[in-house]
Amino acid sequence: MQNIEGLTQKLKQLKVEIKAFQESCNHPKKQIRTIKPNDTKWVCTRCEKPLSWPTDIELQYWFGS
């Protein structure tokens, strides 16, 4: 088993890689997702980056479908 310092360093490196991937993504498709309770956003389906908040009309359609 690895020590916590090694795991923390790996996590930090993975976060850097994820950020770089998301910044280079052109976000070709998006969908509405609940990120956490009471936080629903448009999210890129490729890189999973939260992009923006949906409008009330978009939310009504999303809840209805």
PDB file of N, CA and C in Angstrom:
ATOM      1  N   MET A   1       0.841  -1.185   0.000  1.00  0.00           N
ATOM      2  CA  MET A   1       0.000   0.000   0.000  1.00  0.00           C
ATOM      3  C   MET A   1       0.882   1.242   0.000  1.00  0.00           C
ATOM      4  N   GLN A   2       0.456   2.246  -0.760  1.00  0.00           N
ATOM      5  CA  GLN A   2       1.213   3.497  -0.840  1.00  0.00           C
ATOM      6  C   GLN A   2       0.911   4.388   0.362  1.00  0.00           C
ATOM      7  N   ASN A   3       1.825   5.308   0.592  1.00  0.00           N
ATOM      8  CA  ASN A   3       1.560   6.247   1.679  1.00  0.00           C
ATOM      9  C   ASN A   3       0.692   7.398   1.163  1.00  0.00           C
ATOM     10  N   ILE A   4       0.152   8.155   2.070  1.00  0.00           N
ATOM     11  CA  ILE A   4      -0.779   9.232   1.720  1.00  0.00           C
ATOM     12  C   ILE A   4      -0.102  10.323   0.909  1.00  0.00           C
ATOM     13  N   GLU A   5       1.157  10.591   1.135  1.00  0.00           N
ATOM     14  CA  GLU A   5       1.866  11.626   0.375  1.00  0.00           C
ATOM     15  C   GLU A   5       1.945  11.247  -1.098  1.00  0.00           C
ATOM     16  N   GLY A   6       2.227   9.981  -1.367  1.00  0.00           N
ATOM     17  CA  GLY A   6       2.287   9.531  -2.757  1.00  0.00           C
ATOM     18  C   GLY A   6       0.935   9.622  -3.441  1.00  0.00           C
ATOM     19  N   LEU A   7      -0.115   9.242  -2.726  1.00  0.00           N
ATOM     20  CA  LEU A   7      -1.462   9.318  -3.282  1.00  0.00           C
ATOM     21  C   LEU A   7      -1.889  10.762  -3.514  1.00  0.00           C
ATOM     22  N   THR A   8      -1.552  11.633  -2.569  1.00  0.00           N
ATOM     23  CA  THR A   8      -1.880  13.044  -2.712  1.00  0.00           C
ATOM     24  C   THR A   8      -1.175  13.645  -3.921  1.00  0.00           C
ATOM     25  N   GLN A   9       0.058  13.276  -4.142  1.00  0.00           N
ATOM     26  CA  GLN A   9       0.814  13.777  -5.289  1.00  0.00           C
ATOM     27  C   GLN A   9       0.191  13.282  -6.599  1.00  0.00           C
ATOM     28  N   LYS A  10      -0.230  12.016  -6.633  1.00  0.00           N
ATOM     29  CA  LYS A  10      -0.885  11.480  -7.828  1.00  0.00           C
ATOM     30  C   LYS A  10      -2.189  12.217  -8.107  1.00  0.00           C
ATOM     31  N   LEU A  11      -2.952  12.467  -7.049  1.00  0.00           N
ATOM     32  CA  LEU A  11      -4.216  13.181  -7.192  1.00  0.00           C
ATOM     33  C   LEU A  11      -3.977  14.585  -7.753  1.00  0.00           C
ATOM     34  N   LYS A  12      -2.977  15.265  -7.241  1.00  0.00           N
ATOM     35  CA  LYS A  12      -2.646  16.614  -7.709  1.00  0.00           C
ATOM     36  C   LYS A  12      -2.289  16.583  -9.201  1.00  0.00           C
ATOM     37  N   GLN A  13      -1.481  15.607  -9.613  1.00  0.00           N
ATOM     38  CA  GLN A  13      -1.081  15.485 -11.009  1.00  0.00           C
ATOM     39  C   GLN A  13      -2.283  15.176 -11.902  1.00  0.00           C
ATOM     40  N   LEU A  14      -3.169  14.309 -11.442  1.00  0.00           N
ATOM     41  CA  LEU A  14      -4.367  13.987 -12.210  1.00  0.00           C
ATOM     42  C   LEU A  14      -5.269  15.207 -12.377  1.00  0.00           C
ATOM     43  N   LYS A  15      -5.386  16.025 -11.346  1.00  0.00           N
ATOM     44  CA  LYS A  15      -6.187  17.248 -11.442  1.00  0.00           C
ATOM     45  C   LYS A  15      -5.603  18.196 -12.482  1.00  0.00           C
ATOM     46  N   VAL A  16      -4.282  18.286 -12.551  1.00  0.00           N
ATOM     47  CA  VAL A  16      -3.620  19.124 -13.556  1.00  0.00           C
ATOM     48  C   VAL A  16      -3.922  18.588 -14.953  1.00  0.00           C
ATOM     49  N   GLU A  17      -3.851  17.279 -15.127  1.00  0.00           N
ATOM     50  CA  GLU A  17      -4.129  16.662 -16.427  1.00  0.00           C
ATOM     51  C   GLU A  17      -5.586  16.861 -16.835  1.00  0.00           C
ATOM     52  N   ILE A  18      -6.504  16.719 -15.896  1.00  0.00           N
ATOM     53  CA  ILE A  18      -7.920  16.932 -16.185  1.00  0.00           C
ATOM     54  C   ILE A  18      -8.166  18.373 -16.604  1.00  0.00           C
ATOM     55  N   LYS A  19      -7.580  19.316 -15.894  1.00  0.00           N
ATOM     56  CA  LYS A  19      -7.750  20.728 -16.228  1.00  0.00           C
ATOM     57  C   LYS A  19      -7.230  21.018 -17.635  1.00  0.00           C
ATOM     58  N   ALA A  20      -6.080  20.478 -17.986  1.00  0.00           N
ATOM     59  CA  ALA A  20      -5.509  20.690 -19.324  1.00  0.00           C
ATOM     60  C   ALA A  20      -6.415  20.078 -20.392  1.00  0.00           C
ATOM     61  N   PHE A  21      -6.938  18.888 -20.135  1.00  0.00           N
ATOM     62  CA  PHE A  21      -7.846  18.232 -21.078  1.00  0.00           C
ATOM     63  C   PHE A  21      -9.100  19.071 -21.277  1.00  0.00           C
ATOM     64  N   GLN A  22      -9.675  19.559 -20.191  1.00  0.00           N
ATOM     65  CA  GLN A  22     -10.891  20.358 -20.273  1.00  0.00           C
ATOM     66  C   GLN A  22     -10.649  21.687 -20.987  1.00  0.00           C
ATOM     67  N   GLU A  23      -9.496  22.295 -20.771  1.00  0.00           N
ATOM     68  CA  GLU A  23      -9.191  23.563 -21.428  1.00  0.00           C
ATOM     69  C   GLU A  23      -8.971  23.393 -22.928  1.00  0.00           C
ATOM     70  N   SER A  24      -8.496  22.223 -23.361  1.00  0.00           N
ATOM     71  CA  SER A  24      -8.257  22.005 -24.787  1.00  0.00           C
ATOM     72  C   SER A  24      -9.498  21.467 -25.503  1.00  0.00           C
ATOM     73  N   CYS A  25     -10.519  21.078 -24.746  1.00  0.00           N
ATOM     74  CA  CYS A  25     -11.746  20.522 -25.321  1.00  0.00           C
ATOM     75  C   CYS A  25     -12.564  21.640 -25.970  1.00  0.00           C
ATOM     76  N   ASN A  26     -13.161  21.336 -27.134  1.00  0.00           N
ATOM     77  CA  ASN A  26     -14.023  22.335 -27.780  1.00  0.00           C
ATOM     78  C   ASN A  26     -15.495  22.142 -27.403  1.00  0.00           C
ATOM     79  N   HIS A  27     -15.781  21.257 -26.465  1.00  0.00           N
ATOM     80  CA  HIS A  27     -17.116  21.007 -25.910  1.00  0.00           C
ATOM     81  C   HIS A  27     -18.149  20.790 -27.028  1.00  0.00           C
ATOM     82  N   PRO A  28     -17.970  19.715 -27.816  1.00  0.00           N
ATOM     83  CA  PRO A  28     -18.847  19.492 -28.963  1.00  0.00           C
ATOM     84  C   PRO A  28     -20.301  19.181 -28.608  1.00  0.00           C
ATOM     85  N   LYS A  29     -20.534  18.539 -27.468  1.00  0.00           N
ATOM     86  CA  LYS A  29     -21.896  18.233 -27.036  1.00  0.00           C
ATOM     87  C   LYS A  29     -22.014  18.513 -25.549  1.00  0.00           C
ATOM     88  N   LYS A  30     -23.208  18.923 -25.153  1.00  0.00           N
ATOM     89  CA  LYS A  30     -23.424  19.189 -23.737  1.00  0.00           C
ATOM     90  C   LYS A  30     -24.782  18.647 -23.338  1.00  0.00           C
ATOM     91  N   GLN A  31     -24.912  18.392 -22.038  1.00  0.00           N
ATOM     92  CA  GLN A  31     -26.183  17.948 -21.494  1.00  0.00           C
ATOM     93  C   GLN A  31     -26.337  18.526 -20.101  1.00  0.00           C
ATOM     94  N   ILE A  32     -27.580  18.589 -19.666  1.00  0.00           N
ATOM     95  CA  ILE A  32     -27.858  19.094 -18.329  1.00  0.00           C
ATOM     96  C   ILE A  32     -27.637  17.961 -17.337  1.00  0.00           C
ATOM     97  N   ARG A  33     -26.891  18.266 -16.282  1.00  0.00           N
ATOM     98  CA  ARG A  33     -26.626  17.288 -15.220  1.00  0.00           C
ATOM     99  C   ARG A  33     -26.702  17.974 -13.864  1.00  0.00           C
ATOM    100  N   THR A  34     -27.056  17.199 -12.870  1.00  0.00           N
ATOM    101  CA  THR A  34     -27.004  17.686 -11.498  1.00  0.00           C
ATOM    102  C   THR A  34     -25.608  17.398 -10.971  1.00  0.00           C
ATOM    103  N   ILE A  35     -24.857  18.453 -10.693  1.00  0.00           N
ATOM    104  CA  ILE A  35     -23.481  18.337 -10.218  1.00  0.00           C
ATOM    105  C   ILE A  35     -23.469  17.907  -8.751  1.00  0.00           C
ATOM    106  N   LYS A  36     -24.264  18.570  -7.961  1.00  0.00           N
ATOM    107  CA  LYS A  36     -24.470  18.241  -6.551  1.00  0.00           C
ATOM    108  C   LYS A  36     -25.871  18.735  -6.210  1.00  0.00           C
ATOM    109  N   PRO A  37     -26.410  18.383  -5.070  1.00  0.00           N
ATOM    110  CA  PRO A  37     -27.780  18.817  -4.765  1.00  0.00           C
ATOM    111  C   PRO A  37     -27.962  20.323  -4.969  1.00  0.00           C
ATOM    112  N   ASN A  38     -29.032  20.667  -5.660  1.00  0.00           N
ATOM    113  CA  ASN A  38     -29.387  22.067  -5.943  1.00  0.00           C
ATOM    114  C   ASN A  38     -28.361  22.779  -6.825  1.00  0.00           C
ATOM    115  N   ASP A  39     -27.613  22.045  -7.633  1.00  0.00           N
ATOM    116  CA  ASP A  39     -26.653  22.654  -8.559  1.00  0.00           C
ATOM    117  C   ASP A  39     -26.687  21.894  -9.886  1.00  0.00           C
ATOM    118  N   THR A  40     -27.547  22.350 -10.772  1.00  0.00           N
ATOM    119  CA  THR A  40     -27.736  21.724 -12.071  1.00  0.00           C
ATOM    120  C   THR A  40     -27.122  22.626 -13.134  1.00  0.00           C
ATOM    121  N   LYS A  41     -26.283  22.047 -14.006  1.00  0.00           N
ATOM    122  CA  LYS A  41     -25.580  22.842 -15.012  1.00  0.00           C
ATOM    123  C   LYS A  41     -25.512  22.110 -16.344  1.00  0.00           C
ATOM    124  N   TRP A  42     -25.221  22.884 -17.386  1.00  0.00           N
ATOM    125  CA  TRP A  42     -24.845  22.285 -18.660  1.00  0.00           C
ATOM    126  C   TRP A  42     -23.421  21.788 -18.495  1.00  0.00           C
ATOM    127  N   VAL A  43     -23.171  20.524 -18.911  1.00  0.00           N
ATOM    128  CA  VAL A  43     -21.861  19.895 -18.753  1.00  0.00           C
ATOM    129  C   VAL A  43     -21.448  19.298 -20.095  1.00  0.00           C
ATOM    130  N   CYS A  44     -20.198  19.466 -20.451  1.00  0.00           N
ATOM    131  CA  CYS A  44     -19.666  18.866 -21.668  1.00  0.00           C
ATOM    132  C   CYS A  44     -19.684  17.344 -21.510  1.00  0.00           C
ATOM    133  N   THR A  45     -20.202  16.636 -22.530  1.00  0.00           N
ATOM    134  CA  THR A  45     -20.269  15.174 -22.433  1.00  0.00           C
ATOM    135  C   THR A  45     -18.913  14.527 -22.681  1.00  0.00           C
ATOM    136  N   ARG A  46     -17.977  15.252 -23.272  1.00  0.00           N
ATOM    137  CA  ARG A  46     -16.649  14.697 -23.557  1.00  0.00           C
ATOM    138  C   ARG A  46     -15.697  14.852 -22.372  1.00  0.00           C
ATOM    139  N   CYS A  47     -15.618  16.067 -21.827  1.00  0.00           N
ATOM    140  CA  CYS A  47     -14.628  16.323 -20.766  1.00  0.00           C
ATOM    141  C   CYS A  47     -15.251  16.516 -19.385  1.00  0.00           C
ATOM    142  N   GLU A  48     -16.574  16.541 -19.321  1.00  0.00           N
ATOM    143  CA  GLU A  48     -17.319  16.668 -18.069  1.00  0.00           C
ATOM    144  C   GLU A  48     -17.093  17.989 -17.330  1.00  0.00           C
ATOM    145  N   LYS A  49     -16.716  19.025 -18.074  1.00  0.00           N
ATOM    146  CA  LYS A  49     -16.537  20.340 -17.458  1.00  0.00           C
ATOM    147  C   LYS A  49     -17.893  21.044 -17.355  1.00  0.00           C
ATOM    148  N   PRO A  50     -18.245  21.552 -16.164  1.00  0.00           N
ATOM    149  CA  PRO A  50     -19.461  22.360 -16.056  1.00  0.00           C
ATOM    150  C   PRO A  50     -19.295  23.627 -16.895  1.00  0.00           C
ATOM    151  N   LEU A  51     -20.302  23.936 -17.726  1.00  0.00           N
ATOM    152  CA  LEU A  51     -20.180  25.054 -18.662  1.00  0.00           C
ATOM    153  C   LEU A  51     -21.014  26.267 -18.274  1.00  0.00           C
ATOM    154  N   SER A  52     -22.283  26.052 -17.983  1.00  0.00           N
ATOM    155  CA  SER A  52     -23.157  27.175 -17.650  1.00  0.00           C
ATOM    156  C   SER A  52     -24.413  26.653 -16.976  1.00  0.00           C
ATOM    157  N   TRP A  53     -25.200  27.583 -16.456  1.00  0.00           N
ATOM    158  CA  TRP A  53     -26.464  27.212 -15.840  1.00  0.00           C
ATOM    159  C   TRP A  53     -27.549  27.196 -16.921  1.00  0.00           C
ATOM    160  N   PRO A  54     -28.426  26.221 -16.883  1.00  0.00           N
ATOM    161  CA  PRO A  54     -29.535  26.199 -17.828  1.00  0.00           C
ATOM    162  C   PRO A  54     -30.577  27.259 -17.466  1.00  0.00           C
ATOM    163  N   THR A  55     -31.319  27.680 -18.479  1.00  0.00           N
ATOM    164  CA  THR A  55     -32.399  28.630 -18.233  1.00  0.00           C
ATOM    165  C   THR A  55     -33.558  27.898 -17.556  1.00  0.00           C
ATOM    166  N   ASP A  56     -34.517  28.667 -17.061  1.00  0.00           N
ATOM    167  CA  ASP A  56     -35.687  28.060 -16.436  1.00  0.00           C
ATOM    168  C   ASP A  56     -36.448  27.185 -17.437  1.00  0.00           C
ATOM    169  N   ILE A  57     -36.540  27.628 -18.676  1.00  0.00           N
ATOM    170  CA  ILE A  57     -37.242  26.855 -19.706  1.00  0.00           C
ATOM    171  C   ILE A  57     -36.497  25.552 -19.991  1.00  0.00           C
ATOM    172  N   GLU A  58     -35.179  25.609 -20.079  1.00  0.00           N
ATOM    173  CA  GLU A  58     -34.387  24.398 -20.307  1.00  0.00           C
ATOM    174  C   GLU A  58     -34.552  23.413 -19.145  1.00  0.00           C
ATOM    175  N   LEU A  59     -34.593  23.927 -17.936  1.00  0.00           N
ATOM    176  CA  LEU A  59     -34.794  23.066 -16.766  1.00  0.00           C
ATOM    177  C   LEU A  59     -36.178  22.421 -16.769  1.00  0.00           C
ATOM    178  N   GLN A  60     -37.192  23.182 -17.142  1.00  0.00           N
ATOM    179  CA  GLN A  60     -38.542  22.629 -17.204  1.00  0.00           C
ATOM    180  C   GLN A  60     -38.598  21.502 -18.223  1.00  0.00           C
ATOM    181  N   TYR A  61     -37.967  21.690 -19.378  1.00  0.00           N
ATOM    182  CA  TYR A  61     -37.935  20.659 -20.409  1.00  0.00           C
ATOM    183  C   TYR A  61     -37.163  19.431 -19.891  1.00  0.00           C
ATOM    184  N   TRP A  62     -36.034  19.676 -19.222  1.00  0.00           N
ATOM    185  CA  TRP A  62     -35.194  18.582 -18.699  1.00  0.00           C
ATOM    186  C   TRP A  62     -35.940  17.773 -17.661  1.00  0.00           C
ATOM    187  N   PHE A  63     -36.654  18.461 -16.755  1.00  0.00           N
ATOM    188  CA  PHE A  63     -37.420  17.744 -15.730  1.00  0.00           C
ATOM    189  C   PHE A  63     -38.569  16.948 -16.339  1.00  0.00           C
ATOM    190  N   GLY A  64     -39.117  17.467 -17.435  1.00  0.00           N
ATOM    191  CA  GLY A  64     -40.260  16.820 -18.059  1.00  0.00           C
ATOM    192  C   GLY A  64     -39.907  15.651 -18.941  1.00  0.00           C
ATOM    193  N   SER A  65     -38.622  15.549 -19.344  1.00  0.00           N
ATOM    194  CA  SER A  65     -38.268  14.455 -20.267  1.00  0.00           C
ATOM    195  C   SER A  65     -37.686  13.262 -19.582  1.00  0.00           C
TER     196      SER A  65
END
